[in-house]
Amino acid sequence: MKSQEIADLSSSLPDIWRLLNSQEREILRKHASIHPFIKNETIYCEGDEPKDMMCLLEGRVKITKEGVGGRSQIMRMISPIQYFGYRAYFAQENYLTGAVASEASIVVLVPMGIVVNLLKNNTKLMMYFIKQLSIDLGIADERSVNLAQKHLRGRLAESLVFLIDSYGLEDDKTIDIYLAREDLASFSNMTTSNAIRTLGNFVVEKVIALDGRKIKVIDEEKLRKISKLG
């Protein structure tokens, strides 16, 4: 790995770096690689063989799954510094989802063989990833129920709250990620027309304001209440 690409993995991968000893850190430093992805570039596809654990350093990544009729559904959004792409390897199966850069992104890749060797000899690191998988499973279970049972307003509000919690708000209260209406609709499990209509209703109710793809939060408390009530 070129030093100008990742000068210091300790700051790039802080969560796992502090769990490693000096020898393990050198192994990680030697085998990790950095890969830039342009907007809408595929990182991996459904059916691919999993070979690397990935960590998003910069940008935004969406995890997608092809549904009925070839329609792509956004399952979740990845934010910096978050690990992804490793569950399928542990399950000994090919990827059930795909990953796409929703904007210009930088991803660190670590070969899964290296990850497994580190896990075998580092209990703290193993427990870290067990915890991450458990958290992800809990989020997935809760989201599956919510998307199935909540009304359109609740689903869209939940997606907006998720984006706020994951990416934060800019100084002017604009959500710090700009999604196309099609992507926001997919993430909320609704049609684009329904998403646009519901966003319009939120504007009328002065919950949000719209400026192109930018979504400014006017009343966060009310938005979270809509999400909670469904």
C-alpha atoms as a PDB file:
ATOM      1  CA  MET A   1       0.000   0.000   0.000  1.00  0.00           C
ATOM      2  CA  LYS A   2       1.371   3.393  -0.987  1.00  0.00           C
ATOM      3  CA  SER A   3       1.920   5.728   1.930  1.00  0.00           C
ATOM      4  CA  GLN A   4       0.257   8.587   0.074  1.00  0.00           C
ATOM      5  CA  GLU A   5      -2.901   6.476  -0.293  1.00  0.00           C
ATOM      6  CA  ILE A   6      -3.371   5.676   3.409  1.00  0.00           C
ATOM      7  CA  ALA A   7      -0.785   7.461   5.480  1.00  0.00           C
ATOM      8  CA  ASP A   8      -2.139   6.203   8.769  1.00  0.00           C
ATOM      9  CA  LEU A   9      -4.501   3.252   9.107  1.00  0.00           C
ATOM     10  CA  SER A  10      -4.863   4.061  12.790  1.00  0.00           C
ATOM     11  CA  SER A  11      -7.014   7.048  11.856  1.00  0.00           C
ATOM     12  CA  SER A  12      -8.674   5.337   8.875  1.00  0.00           C
ATOM     13  CA  LEU A  13      -9.776   2.208  10.767  1.00  0.00           C
ATOM     14  CA  PRO A  14      -9.786   3.376  14.403  1.00  0.00           C
ATOM     15  CA  ASP A  15     -12.264   0.841  15.788  1.00  0.00           C
ATOM     16  CA  ILE A  16     -10.292  -2.250  14.864  1.00  0.00           C
ATOM     17  CA  TRP A  17      -6.829  -0.660  14.920  1.00  0.00           C
ATOM     18  CA  ARG A  18      -6.891  -0.181  18.688  1.00  0.00           C
ATOM     19  CA  LEU A  19      -7.748  -3.883  19.150  1.00  0.00           C
ATOM     20  CA  LEU A  20      -4.620  -5.086  17.333  1.00  0.00           C
ATOM     21  CA  ASN A  21      -1.098  -5.603  18.619  1.00  0.00           C
ATOM     22  CA  SER A  22       1.896  -4.241  16.728  1.00  0.00           C
ATOM     23  CA  GLN A  23       2.408  -7.423  14.687  1.00  0.00           C
ATOM     24  CA  GLU A  24      -1.270  -7.569  13.698  1.00  0.00           C
ATOM     25  CA  ARG A  25      -1.209  -3.901  12.751  1.00  0.00           C
ATOM     26  CA  GLU A  26       1.713  -4.521  10.424  1.00  0.00           C
ATOM     27  CA  ILE A  27      -0.171  -7.404   8.783  1.00  0.00           C
ATOM     28  CA  LEU A  28      -3.174  -5.154   8.250  1.00  0.00           C
ATOM     29  CA  ARG A  29      -1.001  -2.333   6.938  1.00  0.00           C
ATOM     30  CA  LYS A  30       0.680  -4.706   4.480  1.00  0.00           C
ATOM     31  CA  HIS A  31      -2.460  -6.272   3.041  1.00  0.00           C
ATOM     32  CA  ALA A  32      -5.063  -3.468   3.126  1.00  0.00           C
ATOM     33  CA  SER A  33      -5.619  -1.576  -0.117  1.00  0.00           C
ATOM     34  CA  ILE A  34      -7.500   1.580  -0.982  1.00  0.00           C
ATOM     35  CA  HIS A  35      -9.906   1.876  -3.909  1.00  0.00           C
ATOM     36  CA  PRO A  36     -11.671   5.001  -5.163  1.00  0.00           C
ATOM     37  CA  PHE A  37     -15.113   4.622  -6.755  1.00  0.00           C
ATOM     38  CA  ILE A  38     -16.890   7.190  -8.876  1.00  0.00           C
ATOM     39  CA  LYS A  39     -20.568   7.998  -8.475  1.00  0.00           C
ATOM     40  CA  ASN A  40     -22.832   5.060  -9.471  1.00  0.00           C
ATOM     41  CA  GLU A  41     -19.873   2.679  -9.815  1.00  0.00           C
ATOM     42  CA  THR A  42     -20.529  -0.896  -8.705  1.00  0.00           C
ATOM     43  CA  ILE A  43     -18.403  -2.105  -5.797  1.00  0.00           C
ATOM     44  CA  TYR A  44     -19.712  -5.662  -5.894  1.00  0.00           C
ATOM     45  CA  CYS A  45     -22.695  -7.430  -7.479  1.00  0.00           C
ATOM     46  CA  GLU A  46     -25.275  -9.932  -6.303  1.00  0.00           C
ATOM     47  CA  GLY A  47     -23.876 -13.406  -6.845  1.00  0.00           C
ATOM     48  CA  ASP A  48     -20.214 -12.351  -6.645  1.00  0.00           C
ATOM     49  CA  GLU A  49     -17.879 -14.375  -4.467  1.00  0.00           C
ATOM     50  CA  PRO A  50     -16.988 -12.401  -1.308  1.00  0.00           C
ATOM     51  CA  LYS A  51     -13.247 -11.877  -1.037  1.00  0.00           C
ATOM     52  CA  ASP A  52     -12.751  -8.704   0.997  1.00  0.00           C
ATOM     53  CA  MET A  53     -13.955  -6.935   4.084  1.00  0.00           C
ATOM     54  CA  MET A  54     -14.644  -3.319   3.192  1.00  0.00           C
ATOM     55  CA  CYS A  55     -14.608  -0.094   5.152  1.00  0.00           C
ATOM     56  CA  LEU A  56     -15.991   3.126   3.716  1.00  0.00           C
ATOM     57  CA  LEU A  57     -13.580   5.984   4.383  1.00  0.00           C
ATOM     58  CA  GLU A  58     -15.261   8.755   2.419  1.00  0.00           C
ATOM     59  CA  GLY A  59     -18.479   9.118   0.460  1.00  0.00           C
ATOM     60  CA  ARG A  60     -21.750   7.225   0.481  1.00  0.00           C
ATOM     61  CA  VAL A  61     -22.526   3.607  -0.481  1.00  0.00           C
ATOM     62  CA  LYS A  62     -25.920   1.993  -0.966  1.00  0.00           C
ATOM     63  CA  ILE A  63     -26.561  -1.725  -0.489  1.00  0.00           C
ATOM     64  CA  THR A  64     -29.119  -2.932  -3.029  1.00  0.00           C
ATOM     65  CA  LYS A  65     -31.030  -6.088  -3.881  1.00  0.00           C
ATOM     66  CA  GLU A  66     -32.827  -6.921  -7.102  1.00  0.00           C
ATOM     67  CA  GLY A  67     -36.496  -7.614  -6.535  1.00  0.00           C
ATOM     68  CA  VAL A  68     -39.500  -8.710  -8.547  1.00  0.00           C
ATOM     69  CA  GLY A  69     -39.377  -7.575 -12.161  1.00  0.00           C
ATOM     70  CA  GLY A  70     -35.755  -6.519 -11.847  1.00  0.00           C
ATOM     71  CA  ARG A  71     -36.569  -3.559  -9.625  1.00  0.00           C
ATOM     72  CA  SER A  72     -33.620  -2.628  -7.415  1.00  0.00           C
ATOM     73  CA  GLN A  73     -34.396  -2.093  -3.730  1.00  0.00           C
ATOM     74  CA  ILE A  74     -32.080  -0.125  -1.453  1.00  0.00           C
ATOM     75  CA  MET A  75     -31.651  -2.234   1.673  1.00  0.00           C
ATOM     76  CA  ARG A  76     -29.407   0.093   3.660  1.00  0.00           C
ATOM     77  CA  MET A  77     -26.970   2.969   3.374  1.00  0.00           C
ATOM     78  CA  ILE A  78     -23.323   2.803   4.450  1.00  0.00           C
ATOM     79  CA  SER A  79     -21.699   5.805   6.092  1.00  0.00           C
ATOM     80  CA  PRO A  80     -18.028   6.495   6.960  1.00  0.00           C
ATOM     81  CA  ILE A  81     -16.379   4.697   8.949  1.00  0.00           C
ATOM     82  CA  GLN A  82     -18.527   1.571   8.541  1.00  0.00           C
ATOM     83  CA  TYR A  83     -17.589  -1.997   7.603  1.00  0.00           C
ATOM     84  CA  PHE A  84     -19.527  -3.992   5.034  1.00  0.00           C
ATOM     85  CA  GLY A  85     -19.270  -6.846   2.558  1.00  0.00           C
ATOM     86  CA  TYR A  86     -18.065  -9.507   4.989  1.00  0.00           C
ATOM     87  CA  ARG A  87     -21.262 -11.256   6.170  1.00  0.00           C
ATOM     88  CA  ALA A  88     -21.550 -13.429   3.057  1.00  0.00           C
ATOM     89  CA  TYR A  89     -18.036 -14.773   3.518  1.00  0.00           C
ATOM     90  CA  PHE A  90     -18.775 -15.930   7.072  1.00  0.00           C
ATOM     91  CA  ALA A  91     -22.038 -17.477   5.840  1.00  0.00           C
ATOM     92  CA  GLN A  92     -20.064 -19.297   3.115  1.00  0.00           C
ATOM     93  CA  GLU A  93     -22.293 -17.974   0.366  1.00  0.00           C
ATOM     94  CA  ASN A  94     -22.073 -15.524  -2.508  1.00  0.00           C
ATOM     95  CA  TYR A  95     -23.313 -11.986  -2.074  1.00  0.00           C
ATOM     96  CA  LEU A  96     -27.103 -11.748  -1.719  1.00  0.00           C
ATOM     97  CA  THR A  97     -26.913  -7.998  -2.297  1.00  0.00           C
ATOM     98  CA  GLY A  98     -24.935  -5.519  -4.367  1.00  0.00           C
ATOM     99  CA  ALA A  99     -23.069  -2.373  -3.370  1.00  0.00           C
ATOM    100  CA  VAL A 100     -22.948   0.852  -5.376  1.00  0.00           C
ATOM    101  CA  ALA A 101     -21.233   4.162  -4.674  1.00  0.00           C
ATOM    102  CA  SER A 102     -24.029   6.737  -4.507  1.00  0.00           C
ATOM    103  CA  GLU A 103     -21.374   9.449  -4.756  1.00  0.00           C
ATOM    104  CA  ALA A 104     -17.593   9.551  -5.193  1.00  0.00           C
ATOM    105  CA  SER A 105     -16.280   7.261  -2.450  1.00  0.00           C
ATOM    106  CA  ILE A 106     -13.080   5.777  -1.041  1.00  0.00           C
ATOM    107  CA  VAL A 107     -13.118   2.225   0.304  1.00  0.00           C
ATOM    108  CA  VAL A 108     -10.444   0.220   2.142  1.00  0.00           C
ATOM    109  CA  LEU A 109     -10.384  -3.479   1.227  1.00  0.00           C
ATOM    110  CA  VAL A 110      -8.848  -6.173   3.432  1.00  0.00           C
ATOM    111  CA  PRO A 111      -8.714  -9.773   2.101  1.00  0.00           C
ATOM    112  CA  MET A 112     -11.053 -11.987   4.104  1.00  0.00           C
ATOM    113  CA  GLY A 113      -8.301 -14.573   4.543  1.00  0.00           C
ATOM    114  CA  ILE A 114      -6.307 -11.975   6.453  1.00  0.00           C
ATOM    115  CA  VAL A 115      -9.352 -10.980   8.486  1.00  0.00           C
ATOM    116  CA  VAL A 116     -10.042 -14.607   9.468  1.00  0.00           C
ATOM    117  CA  ASN A 117      -6.435 -15.148  10.558  1.00  0.00           C
ATOM    118  CA  LEU A 118      -6.582 -12.025  12.698  1.00  0.00           C
ATOM    119  CA  LEU A 119      -9.884 -13.138  14.245  1.00  0.00           C
ATOM    120  CA  LYS A 120      -8.517 -16.588  15.119  1.00  0.00           C
ATOM    121  CA  ASN A 121      -5.807 -15.058  17.265  1.00  0.00           C
ATOM    122  CA  ASN A 122      -7.592 -11.999  18.647  1.00  0.00           C
ATOM    123  CA  THR A 123     -10.647 -12.574  20.823  1.00  0.00           C
ATOM    124  CA  LYS A 124     -11.366  -8.866  21.230  1.00  0.00           C
ATOM    125  CA  LEU A 125     -11.442  -8.399  17.461  1.00  0.00           C
ATOM    126  CA  MET A 126     -13.714 -11.425  17.069  1.00  0.00           C
ATOM    127  CA  MET A 127     -16.141 -10.042  19.654  1.00  0.00           C
ATOM    128  CA  TYR A 128     -16.121  -6.689  17.874  1.00  0.00           C
ATOM    129  CA  PHE A 129     -17.362  -8.225  14.636  1.00  0.00           C
ATOM    130  CA  ILE A 130     -19.867 -10.461  16.410  1.00  0.00           C
ATOM    131  CA  LYS A 131     -21.280  -7.290  17.953  1.00  0.00           C
ATOM    132  CA  GLN A 132     -21.374  -5.521  14.567  1.00  0.00           C
ATOM    133  CA  LEU A 133     -23.176  -8.434  12.912  1.00  0.00           C
ATOM    134  CA  SER A 134     -25.639  -8.584  15.807  1.00  0.00           C
ATOM    135  CA  ILE A 135     -26.361  -4.848  15.591  1.00  0.00           C
ATOM    136  CA  ASP A 136     -26.862  -5.071  11.814  1.00  0.00           C
ATOM    137  CA  LEU A 137     -29.225  -8.042  12.229  1.00  0.00           C
ATOM    138  CA  GLY A 138     -31.288  -6.176  14.798  1.00  0.00           C
ATOM    139  CA  ILE A 139     -31.545  -3.103  12.568  1.00  0.00           C
ATOM    140  CA  ALA A 140     -32.517  -5.265   9.584  1.00  0.00           C
ATOM    141  CA  ASP A 141     -35.237  -7.060  11.574  1.00  0.00           C
ATOM    142  CA  GLU A 142     -36.722  -3.813  12.876  1.00  0.00           C
ATOM    143  CA  ARG A 143     -36.605  -2.168   9.469  1.00  0.00           C
ATOM    144  CA  SER A 144     -38.280  -5.165   7.772  1.00  0.00           C
ATOM    145  CA  VAL A 145     -41.220  -4.948  10.164  1.00  0.00           C
ATOM    146  CA  ASN A 146     -41.475  -1.157   9.853  1.00  0.00           C
ATOM    147  CA  LEU A 147     -41.437  -1.183   6.053  1.00  0.00           C
ATOM    148  CA  ALA A 148     -44.139  -3.837   6.031  1.00  0.00           C
ATOM    149  CA  GLN A 149     -46.444  -2.269   8.621  1.00  0.00           C
ATOM    150  CA  LYS A 150     -45.954   1.490   8.496  1.00  0.00           C
ATOM    151  CA  HIS A 151     -47.984   3.726   6.214  1.00  0.00           C
ATOM    152  CA  LEU A 152     -46.274   5.751   3.491  1.00  0.00           C
ATOM    153  CA  ARG A 153     -45.762   8.777   5.745  1.00  0.00           C
ATOM    154  CA  GLY A 154     -44.182   6.689   8.474  1.00  0.00           C
ATOM    155  CA  ARG A 155     -41.895   4.861   6.039  1.00  0.00           C
ATOM    156  CA  LEU A 156     -40.608   8.040   4.436  1.00  0.00           C
ATOM    157  CA  ALA A 157     -40.204   9.778   7.790  1.00  0.00           C
ATOM    158  CA  GLU A 158     -38.254   6.783   9.089  1.00  0.00           C
ATOM    159  CA  SER A 159     -35.912   6.951   6.094  1.00  0.00           C
ATOM    160  CA  LEU A 160     -35.314  10.656   6.633  1.00  0.00           C
ATOM    161  CA  VAL A 161     -34.630  10.097  10.338  1.00  0.00           C
ATOM    162  CA  PHE A 162     -32.193   7.317   9.424  1.00  0.00           C
ATOM    163  CA  LEU A 163     -30.355   9.678   7.061  1.00  0.00           C
ATOM    164  CA  ILE A 164     -30.215  12.357   9.763  1.00  0.00           C
ATOM    165  CA  ASP A 165     -28.821   9.902  12.321  1.00  0.00           C
ATOM    166  CA  SER A 166     -26.327   8.392   9.855  1.00  0.00           C
ATOM    167  CA  TYR A 167     -25.040  11.481   8.040  1.00  0.00           C
ATOM    168  CA  GLY A 168     -26.012  14.396  10.236  1.00  0.00           C
ATOM    169  CA  LEU A 169     -27.290  17.870   9.428  1.00  0.00           C
ATOM    170  CA  GLU A 170     -25.398  20.765   7.887  1.00  0.00           C
ATOM    171  CA  ASP A 171     -25.364  24.157   9.595  1.00  0.00           C
ATOM    172  CA  ASP A 172     -28.584  25.155   7.839  1.00  0.00           C
ATOM    173  CA  LYS A 173     -30.307  21.903   8.966  1.00  0.00           C
ATOM    174  CA  THR A 174     -29.991  20.324   5.510  1.00  0.00           C
ATOM    175  CA  ILE A 175     -29.493  16.538   5.623  1.00  0.00           C
ATOM    176  CA  ASP A 176     -25.869  15.899   4.690  1.00  0.00           C
ATOM    177  CA  ILE A 177     -26.641  13.502   1.842  1.00  0.00           C
ATOM    178  CA  TYR A 178     -28.424  14.251  -1.405  1.00  0.00           C
ATOM    179  CA  LEU A 179     -30.437  11.289  -2.720  1.00  0.00           C
ATOM    180  CA  ALA A 180     -32.347  11.161  -5.971  1.00  0.00           C
ATOM    181  CA  ARG A 181     -36.079  10.847  -5.410  1.00  0.00           C
ATOM    182  CA  GLU A 182     -35.912   7.362  -6.949  1.00  0.00           C
ATOM    183  CA  ASP A 183     -33.324   6.289  -4.372  1.00  0.00           C
ATOM    184  CA  LEU A 184     -35.249   7.801  -1.471  1.00  0.00           C
ATOM    185  CA  ALA A 185     -38.390   6.013  -2.693  1.00  0.00           C
ATOM    186  CA  SER A 186     -36.525   2.712  -3.021  1.00  0.00           C
ATOM    187  CA  PHE A 187     -35.064   3.084   0.448  1.00  0.00           C
ATOM    188  CA  SER A 188     -38.580   3.716   1.794  1.00  0.00           C
ATOM    189  CA  ASN A 189     -40.144   0.818  -0.147  1.00  0.00           C
ATOM    190  CA  MET A 190     -42.553   2.992  -2.127  1.00  0.00           C
ATOM    191  CA  THR A 191     -43.002   4.258  -5.649  1.00  0.00           C
ATOM    192  CA  THR A 192     -41.244   7.422  -6.746  1.00  0.00           C
ATOM    193  CA  SER A 193     -44.553   9.197  -7.277  1.00  0.00           C
ATOM    194  CA  ASN A 194     -45.687   8.348  -3.734  1.00  0.00           C
ATOM    195  CA  ALA A 195     -42.368   9.551  -2.314  1.00  0.00           C
ATOM    196  CA  ILE A 196     -42.639  12.862  -4.186  1.00  0.00           C
ATOM    197  CA  ARG A 197     -46.242  13.310  -3.056  1.00  0.00           C
ATOM    198  CA  THR A 198     -45.407  12.521   0.576  1.00  0.00           C
ATOM    199  CA  LEU A 199     -42.427  14.875   0.543  1.00  0.00           C
ATOM    200  CA  GLY A 200     -44.756  17.554  -0.774  1.00  0.00           C
ATOM    201  CA  ASN A 201     -47.141  16.924   2.107  1.00  0.00           C
ATOM    202  CA  PHE A 202     -44.260  17.262   4.576  1.00  0.00           C
ATOM    203  CA  VAL A 203     -43.396  20.612   2.973  1.00  0.00           C
ATOM    204  CA  VAL A 204     -46.996  21.838   3.337  1.00  0.00           C
ATOM    205  CA  GLU A 205     -46.943  20.759   6.981  1.00  0.00           C
ATOM    206  CA  LYS A 206     -43.659  22.667   7.416  1.00  0.00           C
ATOM    207  CA  VAL A 207     -41.786  19.564   8.542  1.00  0.00           C
ATOM    208  CA  ILE A 208     -39.177  19.929   5.785  1.00  0.00           C
ATOM    209  CA  ALA A 209     -38.232  22.270   2.932  1.00  0.00           C
ATOM    210  CA  LEU A 210     -36.959  21.162  -0.473  1.00  0.00           C
ATOM    211  CA  ASP A 211     -34.312  22.625  -2.767  1.00  0.00           C
ATOM    212  CA  GLY A 212     -33.664  20.177  -5.573  1.00  0.00           C
ATOM    213  CA  ARG A 213     -32.213  17.066  -3.936  1.00  0.00           C
ATOM    214  CA  LYS A 214     -31.503  18.971  -0.742  1.00  0.00           C
ATOM    215  CA  ILE A 215     -33.870  18.298   2.150  1.00  0.00           C
ATOM    216  CA  LYS A 216     -33.874  20.864   4.939  1.00  0.00           C
ATOM    217  CA  VAL A 217     -35.372  19.763   8.245  1.00  0.00           C
ATOM    218  CA  ILE A 218     -37.712  22.388   9.684  1.00  0.00           C
ATOM    219  CA  ASP A 219     -39.326  20.401  12.497  1.00  0.00           C
ATOM    220  CA  GLU A 220     -37.178  17.405  13.462  1.00  0.00           C
ATOM    221  CA  GLU A 221     -39.306  16.580  16.501  1.00  0.00           C
ATOM    222  CA  LYS A 222     -42.446  16.256  14.364  1.00  0.00           C
ATOM    223  CA  LEU A 223     -40.562  14.198  11.749  1.00  0.00           C
ATOM    224  CA  ARG A 224     -39.415  11.739  14.408  1.00  0.00           C
ATOM    225  CA  LYS A 225     -42.953  11.575  15.798  1.00  0.00           C
ATOM    226  CA  ILE A 226     -44.344  10.700  12.352  1.00  0.00           C
ATOM    227  CA  SER A 227     -41.677   8.015  12.008  1.00  0.00           C
ATOM    228  CA  LYS A 228     -42.456   6.550  15.422  1.00  0.00           C
ATOM    229  CA  LEU A 229     -46.235   6.517  14.979  1.00  0.00           C
ATOM    230  CA  GLY A 230     -45.969   5.082  11.478  1.00  0.00           C
END
